[in-house]
C-alpha cells in the first residue's frame, strides 16, 4: 500500500510536469515578434528575458523573507520550548498555529492599508543611512551622465552593470509598495510555519543530553547552543525550506502590496522595479488567451521546476545532516 501511495505521488507530479510542458510548448516555437505583440512585453525582449525578471523578483522576495523570518522563528521557538512557563508556552503555541491559518489575502489587505504607511518613515530612515554608504563605495551617475565617486572596481561594476547596486540603490521612493515590503509580508506569513516546525524539533531534544549539559555547569543558553541547536539543525533547515516553498508560490499578498516592474536590480525600496512569477500569472491569466495563456503556463512551469529543485536540495541537506548526526551519535 505504501509503495502504491509513493508511486501515485510520483505519477501526479509527472502528470503536472507533462501538462505544463506540453501546454507551454508553443511559446518556444512561436516567433518572438508574435509573442511581443500578444503578450505585451518590451520589443526586443524575448521570453527568457521576461521570465528572468520574474524569476529574479520571485527569488529576491523569498530570500528577503527567509533572512527576516528564520532568526525570529528560531528565537520564538526556543522561547516557547525552553524559556516560557508551560501555560504561557501553550498560549504562544496556539497563537502561532492560528497565525498559520490566516489567508494570504488578509495579510495582503493588512500590509496594504496598515503596514505600508507605518513602514514609510522606517524605509526613509534606512535610505538616509545607507545611501551615503553606497555612494561612497560604488558611486552614482552624475547630472551630466558621467560616473561620480566610488571605489575602484566597485564603481566600475556599478557603472557597467545595471543590476549592481550604486548610490541610488538604497533610495526610498514612496509609496512603500516595493520588494522589501513584499519580503516583509512574506516573512510574517512564513514565520508561523517555521516556528511551529522548529518548536517541535527543539522539544524532541533528548532530555538526558540537556540535563547532562546542565549538570556539567553549562548555563541554559550554553546548553541550547551545544545541545538543542545542533540536534535541531536538520529540522531548522527543513522548516526554512518549507517556508521558502510557501514564499516562492505566494500570490495574493504580493499582488496587493507590490507595485510591479520588470527590472533586475537591487533597488529594494523603490516601487515599480520587481515582479514575481505567481503575481504575474494571477494578474494576467483572467484575460489571457492564445499564446499569452501558453506564455503564463510556461512561467508556471518555471516556478514548478524552481520549487522542485529547492525541495530536492532541502531533502539532500536534511539527509546529510541526519547522516552526520547518526555518525556522531
Protein backbone atom coordinates (compact mmCIF):
# COMPACT_ATOMS: atom_id res chain seq x y z
CA UNK A 1 0.00 0.00 0.00
CA UNK A 2 2.80 2.40 0.88
CA UNK A 3 4.54 1.63 -2.41
CA UNK A 4 1.33 2.38 -4.29
CA UNK A 5 0.96 5.70 -2.47
CA UNK A 6 4.53 6.67 -3.34
CA UNK A 7 4.04 5.74 -6.98
CA UNK A 8 0.78 7.73 -7.08
CA UNK A 9 2.54 10.85 -5.81
CA UNK A 10 5.32 10.49 -8.38
CA UNK A 11 2.76 9.88 -11.14
CA UNK A 12 0.83 13.00 -10.11
CA UNK A 13 3.98 15.14 -10.17
CA UNK A 14 4.93 13.70 -13.56
CA UNK A 15 1.44 14.39 -14.91
CA UNK A 16 1.56 18.02 -13.75
CA UNK A 17 5.02 18.47 -15.27
CA UNK A 18 3.98 16.91 -18.61
CA UNK A 19 0.82 19.06 -18.75
CA UNK A 20 2.78 22.25 -18.11
CA UNK A 21 5.47 21.26 -20.61
CA UNK A 22 3.02 20.41 -23.40
CA UNK A 23 0.83 23.46 -22.76
CA UNK A 24 3.77 25.84 -22.83
CA UNK A 25 5.49 24.31 -25.86
CA UNK A 26 4.03 26.88 -28.27
CA UNK A 27 5.98 29.65 -26.57
CA UNK A 28 9.26 28.01 -27.53
CA UNK A 29 8.38 27.63 -31.22
CA UNK A 30 6.36 30.83 -31.83
CA UNK A 31 8.31 33.72 -33.42
CA UNK A 32 9.35 36.28 -30.85
CA UNK A 33 7.65 39.21 -32.65
CA UNK A 34 4.28 37.47 -32.37
CA UNK A 35 4.80 36.86 -28.65
CA UNK A 36 5.77 40.51 -28.15
CA UNK A 37 2.60 41.65 -29.93
CA UNK A 38 0.22 39.37 -28.00
CA UNK A 39 1.83 39.30 -24.55
CA UNK A 40 2.88 42.93 -24.47
CA UNK A 41 6.41 42.93 -23.11
CA UNK A 42 9.08 45.24 -24.46
CA UNK A 43 10.08 44.93 -28.11
CA UNK A 44 13.49 43.39 -28.43
CA UNK A 45 12.88 41.32 -25.31
CA UNK A 46 12.36 37.58 -25.64
CA UNK A 47 10.55 35.09 -23.42
CA UNK A 48 13.61 34.13 -21.41
CA UNK A 49 14.50 37.75 -20.68
CA UNK A 50 10.96 38.44 -19.46
CA UNK A 51 10.90 35.21 -17.45
CA UNK A 52 14.29 36.08 -15.99
CA UNK A 53 12.95 39.29 -14.46
CA UNK A 54 10.08 37.44 -12.77
CA UNK A 55 12.38 34.64 -11.56
CA UNK A 56 14.72 37.26 -10.09
CA UNK A 57 11.83 39.02 -8.34
CA UNK A 58 10.46 35.72 -7.02
CA UNK A 59 13.81 34.61 -5.60
CA UNK A 60 14.61 38.08 -4.22
CA UNK A 61 11.31 38.34 -2.33
CA UNK A 62 11.67 34.79 -0.97
CA UNK A 63 15.27 35.34 0.17
CA UNK A 64 14.35 38.61 1.91
CA UNK A 65 11.52 36.77 3.67
CA UNK A 66 13.83 33.96 4.81
CA UNK A 67 16.53 36.35 6.06
CA UNK A 68 13.93 38.15 8.18
CA UNK A 69 11.80 35.20 9.29
CA UNK A 70 14.31 32.47 10.21
CA UNK A 71 16.11 34.28 13.09
CA UNK A 72 12.80 35.41 14.59
CA UNK A 73 11.24 31.96 14.14
CA UNK A 74 14.16 30.16 15.80
CA UNK A 75 14.17 32.66 18.68
CA UNK A 76 10.42 32.32 19.24
CA UNK A 77 10.63 28.52 19.04
CA UNK A 78 13.44 28.45 21.62
CA UNK A 79 11.49 30.76 23.92
CA UNK A 80 8.38 28.58 23.71
CA UNK A 81 10.25 25.30 24.15
CA UNK A 82 12.88 26.20 26.76
CA UNK A 83 12.19 29.53 28.45
CA UNK A 84 8.47 30.26 28.73
CA UNK A 85 6.36 28.81 31.58
CA UNK A 86 4.19 25.90 30.47
CA UNK A 87 0.90 27.83 30.35
CA UNK A 88 2.44 30.77 28.52
CA UNK A 89 4.17 28.41 26.09
CA UNK A 90 0.85 26.69 25.35
CA UNK A 91 -0.82 30.07 24.71
CA UNK A 92 2.01 31.13 22.39
CA UNK A 93 1.73 27.82 20.56
CA UNK A 94 -1.98 28.35 19.94
CA UNK A 95 -1.36 31.89 18.64
CA UNK A 96 1.37 30.67 16.27
CA UNK A 97 -0.91 27.93 14.94
CA UNK A 98 -3.72 30.45 14.39
CA UNK A 99 -1.39 32.80 12.50
CA UNK A 100 -0.50 29.96 10.13
CA UNK A 101 -4.19 29.58 9.25
CA UNK A 102 -4.78 33.23 8.24
CA UNK A 103 -5.50 33.52 4.48
CA UNK A 104 -2.90 35.34 2.40
CA UNK A 105 -5.44 37.89 1.17
CA UNK A 106 -5.86 39.07 4.78
CA UNK A 107 -2.11 39.60 5.06
CA UNK A 108 -2.24 41.47 1.77
CA UNK A 109 -5.00 43.81 2.94
CA UNK A 110 -3.28 44.40 6.26
CA UNK A 111 0.02 45.08 4.55
CA UNK A 112 -1.52 47.45 2.02
CA UNK A 113 -3.64 49.53 4.40
CA UNK A 114 -1.83 49.29 7.75
CA UNK A 115 1.80 48.23 7.44
CA UNK A 116 2.69 50.23 4.31
CA UNK A 117 2.03 53.67 5.88
CA UNK A 118 3.86 52.60 9.06
CA UNK A 119 6.94 51.48 7.13
CA UNK A 120 7.38 54.70 5.14
CA UNK A 121 9.35 56.54 7.86
CA UNK A 122 11.35 53.37 8.57
CA UNK A 123 12.32 52.99 4.91
CA UNK A 124 13.12 56.70 4.73
CA UNK A 125 15.48 56.36 7.71
CA UNK A 126 17.15 53.26 6.22
CA UNK A 127 17.60 55.15 2.96
CA UNK A 128 19.18 58.13 4.73
CA UNK A 129 21.67 55.80 6.44
CA UNK A 130 22.55 53.54 3.50
CA UNK A 131 22.59 55.97 0.56
CA UNK A 132 25.82 57.77 1.62
CA UNK A 133 27.48 54.39 2.20
CA UNK A 134 26.53 53.04 -1.23
CA UNK A 135 27.52 56.33 -2.85
CA UNK A 136 30.94 56.24 -1.17
CA UNK A 137 31.57 52.61 -2.12
CA UNK A 138 30.03 52.34 -5.57
CA UNK A 139 29.45 55.89 -6.78
CA UNK A 140 26.44 57.10 -8.74
CA UNK A 141 25.59 58.64 -12.13
CA UNK A 142 26.04 62.40 -12.21
CA UNK A 143 23.80 65.03 -13.80
CA UNK A 144 25.88 65.02 -16.99
CA UNK A 145 25.83 61.21 -17.23
CA UNK A 146 29.41 60.77 -16.02
CA UNK A 147 30.02 58.43 -13.11
CA UNK A 148 30.83 60.16 -9.82
CA UNK A 149 32.71 58.76 -6.82
CA UNK A 150 33.07 55.18 -5.71
CA UNK A 151 35.99 52.89 -5.03
CA UNK A 152 37.94 51.45 -7.99
CA UNK A 153 36.44 48.18 -9.10
CA UNK A 154 33.13 48.66 -7.33
CA UNK A 155 32.37 51.87 -9.20
CA UNK A 156 33.27 50.17 -12.49
CA UNK A 157 30.84 47.31 -11.76
CA UNK A 158 28.09 49.74 -10.80
CA UNK A 159 28.67 51.82 -13.94
CA UNK A 160 28.72 48.93 -16.40
CA UNK A 161 26.21 46.51 -14.87
CA UNK A 162 22.69 47.73 -14.25
CA UNK A 163 21.97 45.12 -11.59
CA UNK A 164 24.95 46.08 -9.40
CA UNK A 165 23.83 48.45 -6.60
CA UNK A 166 25.03 52.03 -6.97
CA UNK A 167 24.41 55.12 -4.86
CA UNK A 168 20.74 55.17 -5.86
CA UNK A 169 20.08 51.53 -4.86
CA UNK A 170 19.16 52.42 -1.28
CA UNK A 171 16.96 55.36 -2.24
CA UNK A 172 13.41 55.19 -0.90
CA UNK A 173 10.67 56.29 -3.28
CA UNK A 174 7.18 56.41 -1.72
CA UNK A 175 4.78 54.70 -1.55
CA UNK A 176 6.35 51.71 0.19
CA UNK A 177 4.95 49.21 -2.34
CA UNK A 178 8.33 47.72 -3.11
CA UNK A 179 10.03 44.33 -3.00
CA UNK A 180 11.28 44.92 0.55
CA UNK A 181 7.71 45.45 1.73
CA UNK A 182 6.72 42.29 -0.13
CA UNK A 183 9.54 40.40 1.59
CA UNK A 184 8.41 41.65 5.00
CA UNK A 185 4.84 40.50 4.35
CA UNK A 186 6.13 37.11 3.19
CA UNK A 187 8.32 36.88 6.31
CA UNK A 188 5.29 37.43 8.53
CA UNK A 189 3.37 34.79 6.57
CA UNK A 190 6.05 32.09 6.78
CA UNK A 191 7.04 32.89 10.36
CA UNK A 192 4.34 30.63 11.94
CA UNK A 193 5.27 27.69 9.68
CA UNK A 194 8.97 27.83 10.52
CA UNK A 195 8.28 28.50 14.21
CA UNK A 196 5.89 25.55 14.59
CA UNK A 197 8.26 23.06 12.97
CA UNK A 198 11.33 24.37 14.80
CA UNK A 199 9.47 24.22 18.11
CA UNK A 200 8.54 20.57 17.54
CA UNK A 201 12.16 19.73 16.73
CA UNK A 202 13.52 21.55 19.80
CA UNK A 203 11.04 19.81 22.10
CA UNK A 204 12.30 16.43 20.86
CA UNK A 205 15.86 17.08 22.04
CA UNK A 206 16.83 14.16 24.35
CA UNK A 207 16.19 15.22 27.94
CA UNK A 208 19.22 13.28 29.20
CA UNK A 209 21.56 15.29 26.97
CA UNK A 210 20.10 18.56 28.21
CA UNK A 211 20.37 17.52 31.86
CA UNK A 212 23.90 16.21 31.36
CA UNK A 213 24.96 19.54 29.88
CA UNK A 214 23.42 21.46 32.79
CA UNK A 215 24.99 19.06 35.29
CA UNK A 216 28.43 19.83 33.84
CA UNK A 217 27.90 23.50 34.70
CA UNK A 218 26.56 24.90 31.43
CA UNK A 219 24.10 27.76 31.57
CA UNK A 220 20.74 27.40 29.89
CA UNK A 221 21.93 29.33 26.83
CA UNK A 222 25.14 27.25 26.63
CA UNK A 223 23.04 24.09 26.84
CA UNK A 224 20.84 25.36 23.99
CA UNK A 225 23.88 26.31 21.92
CA UNK A 226 25.71 22.99 22.45
CA UNK A 227 22.80 20.53 22.57
CA UNK A 228 19.47 21.86 21.31
CA UNK A 229 20.60 23.77 18.22
CA UNK A 230 22.93 21.01 16.88
CA UNK A 231 20.18 18.43 17.46
CA UNK A 232 17.60 20.58 15.68
CA UNK A 233 19.80 21.75 12.81
CA UNK A 234 18.20 19.50 10.20
CA UNK A 235 14.76 20.47 11.47
CA UNK A 236 15.58 24.16 11.11
CA UNK A 237 16.73 23.56 7.54
CA UNK A 238 13.55 21.61 6.77
CA UNK A 239 11.36 24.31 8.30
CA UNK A 240 13.21 27.03 6.40
CA UNK A 241 12.85 25.21 3.09
CA UNK A 242 9.14 24.66 3.73
CA UNK A 243 8.79 28.37 4.41
CA UNK A 244 10.79 29.11 1.26
CA UNK A 245 8.39 26.93 -0.74
CA UNK A 246 5.46 28.91 0.64
CA UNK A 247 7.18 32.19 -0.16
CA UNK A 248 8.04 31.17 -3.73
CA UNK A 249 4.44 30.37 -4.58
CA UNK A 250 2.71 33.21 -2.75
CA UNK A 251 0.37 35.19 -4.98
CA UNK A 252 -2.34 37.38 -3.49
CA UNK A 253 -0.38 39.10 -0.73
CA UNK A 254 2.39 40.17 -3.12
CA UNK A 255 -0.11 41.15 -5.77
CA UNK A 256 -1.73 43.54 -3.29
CA UNK A 257 1.36 45.13 -1.72
CA UNK A 258 3.80 45.15 -4.65
CA UNK A 259 3.88 47.75 -7.40
CA UNK A 260 5.11 45.54 -10.27
CA UNK A 261 8.01 46.19 -12.61
CA UNK A 262 10.29 44.18 -14.87
CA UNK A 263 13.78 45.12 -13.72
CA UNK A 264 16.76 43.12 -12.48
CA UNK A 265 18.36 45.28 -9.81
CA UNK A 266 18.66 45.63 -6.05
CA UNK A 267 16.61 48.79 -5.58
CA UNK A 268 14.68 47.21 -2.74
CA UNK A 269 12.88 50.36 -1.63
CA UNK A 270 11.69 51.69 -4.99
CA UNK A 271 8.27 50.73 -6.40
CA UNK A 272 7.80 49.55 -9.97
CA UNK A 273 11.05 47.56 -10.05
CA UNK A 274 10.24 43.89 -9.49
CA UNK A 275 7.54 41.31 -10.02
CA UNK A 276 7.10 37.62 -9.20
CA UNK A 277 6.02 34.66 -11.30
CA UNK A 278 2.90 33.93 -9.26
CA UNK A 279 1.71 37.55 -9.21
CA UNK A 280 2.22 37.89 -12.98
CA UNK A 281 0.15 34.76 -13.58
CA UNK A 282 -2.62 35.97 -11.27
CA UNK A 283 -2.59 39.44 -12.84
CA UNK A 284 -2.70 38.34 -16.48
CA UNK A 285 -4.44 34.96 -16.59
CA UNK A 286 -8.10 36.09 -16.23
CA UNK A 287 -7.92 37.96 -19.56
CA UNK A 288 -5.29 35.81 -21.29
CA UNK A 289 -5.94 33.82 -24.44
CA UNK A 290 -3.96 32.10 -27.17
CA UNK A 291 -0.22 32.45 -26.96
CA UNK A 292 -0.46 34.58 -23.81
CA UNK A 293 -2.07 31.66 -21.93
CA UNK A 294 0.76 29.40 -23.09
CA UNK A 295 3.22 32.07 -22.02
CA UNK A 296 1.78 32.17 -18.48
CA UNK A 297 1.72 28.38 -18.28
CA UNK A 298 5.41 28.43 -19.24
CA UNK A 299 6.02 30.76 -16.29
CA UNK A 300 4.15 28.26 -14.13
CA UNK A 301 6.44 25.51 -15.40
CA UNK A 302 9.48 27.55 -14.39
CA UNK A 303 8.02 28.07 -10.91
CA UNK A 304 7.27 24.34 -10.68
CA UNK A 305 10.88 23.48 -11.55
CA UNK A 306 12.28 26.05 -9.10
CA UNK A 307 10.11 24.71 -6.27
CA UNK A 308 11.07 21.12 -7.10
CA UNK A 309 14.78 21.96 -7.13
CA UNK A 310 14.52 23.85 -3.83
CA UNK A 311 12.75 20.91 -2.17
CA UNK A 312 15.25 18.44 -3.62
CA UNK A 313 18.17 20.47 -2.27
CA UNK A 314 16.43 20.74 1.10
CA UNK A 315 15.97 16.98 1.30
CA UNK A 316 19.63 16.45 0.39
CA UNK A 317 20.75 18.86 3.12
CA UNK A 318 18.48 17.22 5.71
CA UNK A 319 19.73 13.75 4.75
CA UNK A 320 23.34 14.94 5.02
CA UNK A 321 22.76 16.40 8.48
CA UNK A 322 20.91 13.25 9.57
CA UNK A 323 23.80 11.07 8.36
CA UNK A 324 26.31 13.30 10.14
CA UNK A 325 24.28 13.22 13.37
CA UNK A 326 23.96 9.45 13.17
CA UNK A 327 27.68 9.04 12.66
CA UNK A 328 28.40 11.14 15.75
CA UNK A 329 25.67 9.76 17.98
